[in-house]
């Protein structure tokens, strides 16, 4: 009996390298905000769109000198 298998997962161009992803785990030490003035908007904002968008993150990825991931 012959078993047939299909490889449907594409192979990455290069192997996984943890160092490539380290920037995603750097702590954001300062909060930032960004406002748009009405004259900076190109096009139209839909009338039904209202409210405030809050984004939570990035976070602190260390506690007491220990890295947390």
N, C-alpha and C. Protein backbone atom coordinates (compact mmCIF):
# COMPACT_ATOMS: atom_id res chain seq x y z
N UNK A 1 0.85 -1.18 0.00
CA UNK A 1 0.00 0.00 0.00
C UNK A 1 0.89 1.24 0.00
N UNK A 2 0.51 2.23 -0.77
CA UNK A 2 1.27 3.48 -0.87
C UNK A 2 0.46 4.61 -0.25
N UNK A 3 1.08 5.38 0.62
CA UNK A 3 0.41 6.52 1.23
C UNK A 3 0.71 7.77 0.40
N UNK A 4 -0.31 8.52 0.12
CA UNK A 4 -0.15 9.77 -0.62
C UNK A 4 -0.26 10.94 0.34
N UNK A 5 0.65 11.86 0.24
CA UNK A 5 0.58 13.07 1.06
C UNK A 5 0.68 14.28 0.15
N UNK A 6 0.04 15.33 0.56
CA UNK A 6 0.09 16.58 -0.19
C UNK A 6 0.72 17.65 0.68
N UNK A 7 1.68 18.33 0.15
CA UNK A 7 2.32 19.42 0.87
C UNK A 7 1.67 20.72 0.41
N UNK A 8 0.76 21.26 1.23
CA UNK A 8 0.05 22.48 0.86
C UNK A 8 0.61 23.72 1.57
N UNK A 9 1.54 23.51 2.48
CA UNK A 9 2.12 24.64 3.20
C UNK A 9 3.35 25.14 2.45
N UNK A 10 3.33 26.41 2.02
CA UNK A 10 4.50 26.92 1.28
C UNK A 10 5.72 27.01 2.18
N UNK A 11 6.85 26.77 1.64
CA UNK A 11 8.11 26.87 2.38
C UNK A 11 8.54 28.34 2.42
N UNK A 12 8.99 28.82 3.59
CA UNK A 12 9.46 30.21 3.65
C UNK A 12 10.73 30.39 2.83
N UNK A 13 10.95 31.61 2.37
CA UNK A 13 12.16 31.91 1.60
C UNK A 13 13.42 31.80 2.46
N UNK A 14 13.27 32.08 3.74
CA UNK A 14 14.40 31.96 4.66
C UNK A 14 13.89 31.37 5.96
N UNK A 15 14.75 30.74 6.75
CA UNK A 15 14.30 30.15 8.00
C UNK A 15 13.88 31.21 9.01
N UNK A 16 13.06 30.81 9.98
CA UNK A 16 12.62 31.71 11.05
C UNK A 16 13.83 32.21 11.82
N UNK A 17 13.86 33.49 12.07
CA UNK A 17 14.95 34.09 12.82
C UNK A 17 14.32 34.96 13.91
N UNK A 18 14.47 34.54 15.15
CA UNK A 18 13.87 35.28 16.27
C UNK A 18 14.31 36.74 16.29
N UNK A 19 15.55 37.01 15.92
CA UNK A 19 16.06 38.38 15.93
C UNK A 19 15.26 39.29 15.00
N UNK A 20 14.74 38.74 13.91
CA UNK A 20 13.94 39.53 12.98
C UNK A 20 12.67 40.08 13.62
N UNK A 21 12.18 39.42 14.65
CA UNK A 21 10.91 39.78 15.29
C UNK A 21 11.09 40.56 16.59
N UNK A 22 12.32 40.78 17.03
CA UNK A 22 12.56 41.41 18.33
C UNK A 22 11.97 42.81 18.44
N UNK A 23 11.92 43.58 17.36
CA UNK A 23 11.39 44.94 17.46
C UNK A 23 9.93 44.96 17.86
N UNK A 24 9.22 43.90 17.55
CA UNK A 24 7.82 43.80 17.94
C UNK A 24 7.63 43.66 19.44
N UNK A 25 8.71 43.36 20.16
CA UNK A 25 8.66 43.20 21.61
C UNK A 25 9.42 44.28 22.34
N UNK A 26 9.65 45.42 21.70
CA UNK A 26 10.28 46.54 22.38
C UNK A 26 9.20 47.36 23.07
N UNK A 27 9.46 47.75 24.30
CA UNK A 27 8.48 48.53 25.06
C UNK A 27 8.34 49.94 24.50
N UNK A 28 7.12 50.42 24.48
CA UNK A 28 6.83 51.80 24.09
C UNK A 28 6.83 52.61 25.38
N UNK A 29 7.82 53.42 25.57
CA UNK A 29 7.99 54.15 26.83
C UNK A 29 7.15 55.42 26.93
N UNK A 30 6.73 55.98 25.80
CA UNK A 30 5.99 57.24 25.83
C UNK A 30 4.71 57.11 25.02
N UNK A 31 3.63 57.67 25.55
CA UNK A 31 2.37 57.68 24.82
C UNK A 31 2.42 58.71 23.71
N UNK A 32 1.70 58.45 22.65
CA UNK A 32 1.60 59.40 21.55
C UNK A 32 0.14 59.56 21.17
N UNK A 33 -0.18 60.70 20.62
CA UNK A 33 -1.53 60.89 20.08
C UNK A 33 -1.39 61.62 18.75
N UNK A 34 -2.44 61.57 17.98
CA UNK A 34 -2.38 62.16 16.65
C UNK A 34 -3.77 62.67 16.30
N UNK A 35 -3.87 63.90 15.92
CA UNK A 35 -5.14 64.51 15.57
C UNK A 35 -5.11 64.97 14.12
N UNK A 36 -6.23 64.85 13.45
CA UNK A 36 -6.38 65.39 12.09
C UNK A 36 -7.30 66.59 12.15
N UNK A 37 -6.88 67.67 11.54
CA UNK A 37 -7.74 68.83 11.41
C UNK A 37 -8.65 68.59 10.20
N UNK A 38 -9.81 69.24 10.19
CA UNK A 38 -10.78 69.04 9.12
C UNK A 38 -10.20 69.35 7.74
N UNK A 39 -9.32 70.34 7.64
CA UNK A 39 -8.76 70.68 6.33
C UNK A 39 -7.68 69.70 5.86
N UNK A 40 -7.27 68.77 6.72
CA UNK A 40 -6.29 67.75 6.33
C UNK A 40 -6.95 66.52 5.71
N UNK A 41 -8.25 66.42 5.81
CA UNK A 41 -8.97 65.25 5.33
C UNK A 41 -9.25 65.40 3.84
N UNK A 42 -8.88 64.39 3.08
CA UNK A 42 -9.13 64.36 1.64
C UNK A 42 -10.31 63.42 1.42
N UNK A 43 -11.32 63.88 0.68
CA UNK A 43 -12.51 63.06 0.47
C UNK A 43 -13.56 63.37 1.50
N UNK A 44 -14.46 62.43 1.71
CA UNK A 44 -15.55 62.65 2.67
C UNK A 44 -15.58 61.55 3.72
N UNK A 45 -15.92 61.94 4.92
CA UNK A 45 -16.12 60.97 5.99
C UNK A 45 -17.59 60.57 5.95
N UNK A 46 -17.90 59.27 5.95
CA UNK A 46 -19.30 58.84 5.92
C UNK A 46 -20.07 59.43 7.10
N UNK A 47 -21.29 59.88 6.86
CA UNK A 47 -22.11 60.51 7.89
C UNK A 47 -22.35 59.58 9.08
N UNK A 48 -22.43 58.28 8.83
CA UNK A 48 -22.72 57.32 9.90
C UNK A 48 -21.49 57.04 10.78
N UNK A 49 -20.33 57.51 10.36
CA UNK A 49 -19.11 57.26 11.12
C UNK A 49 -18.94 58.35 12.17
N UNK A 50 -18.96 57.95 13.42
CA UNK A 50 -18.76 58.91 14.50
C UNK A 50 -18.12 58.20 15.68
N UNK A 51 -17.58 58.95 16.59
CA UNK A 51 -16.99 58.36 17.78
C UNK A 51 -15.49 58.54 17.83
N UNK A 52 -14.87 57.76 18.68
CA UNK A 52 -13.44 57.83 18.91
C UNK A 52 -12.84 56.44 18.77
N UNK A 53 -11.72 56.34 18.11
CA UNK A 53 -11.00 55.07 17.98
C UNK A 53 -9.91 55.04 19.04
N UNK A 54 -9.98 54.06 19.91
CA UNK A 54 -8.94 53.86 20.91
C UNK A 54 -8.14 52.63 20.51
N UNK A 55 -6.84 52.75 20.52
CA UNK A 55 -5.98 51.60 20.26
C UNK A 55 -5.18 51.32 21.52
N UNK A 56 -5.20 50.08 21.93
CA UNK A 56 -4.51 49.67 23.13
C UNK A 56 -3.22 48.96 22.75
N UNK A 57 -2.11 49.60 22.95
CA UNK A 57 -0.84 48.98 22.64
C UNK A 57 0.03 49.97 21.90
N UNK A 58 1.26 49.70 21.70
CA UNK A 58 1.99 48.58 22.27
C UNK A 58 2.14 48.72 23.78
N UNK A 59 2.57 47.68 24.40
CA UNK A 59 2.64 47.62 25.86
C UNK A 59 4.09 47.63 26.33
N UNK A 60 4.24 47.50 27.63
CA UNK A 60 5.57 47.31 28.19
C UNK A 60 5.83 45.80 28.22
N UNK A 61 6.98 45.41 27.74
CA UNK A 61 7.29 43.99 27.66
C UNK A 61 8.36 43.57 28.66
N UNK A 62 8.50 44.34 29.72
CA UNK A 62 9.35 43.89 30.81
C UNK A 62 8.76 44.38 32.12
N UNK A 63 9.07 43.66 33.17
CA UNK A 63 8.58 44.00 34.50
C UNK A 63 9.70 43.71 35.49
N UNK A 64 10.11 44.71 36.21
CA UNK A 64 11.18 44.52 37.19
C UNK A 64 12.49 44.06 36.57
N UNK A 65 12.77 44.52 35.36
CA UNK A 65 14.01 44.15 34.70
C UNK A 65 13.96 42.81 33.99
N UNK A 66 12.83 42.10 34.08
CA UNK A 66 12.68 40.80 33.42
C UNK A 66 11.86 40.95 32.15
N UNK A 67 12.32 40.36 31.07
CA UNK A 67 11.60 40.40 29.80
C UNK A 67 10.37 39.49 29.87
N UNK A 68 9.24 40.00 29.38
CA UNK A 68 8.00 39.23 29.34
C UNK A 68 7.53 39.18 27.90
N UNK A 69 7.30 37.98 27.39
CA UNK A 69 6.82 37.82 26.02
C UNK A 69 5.72 36.79 25.98
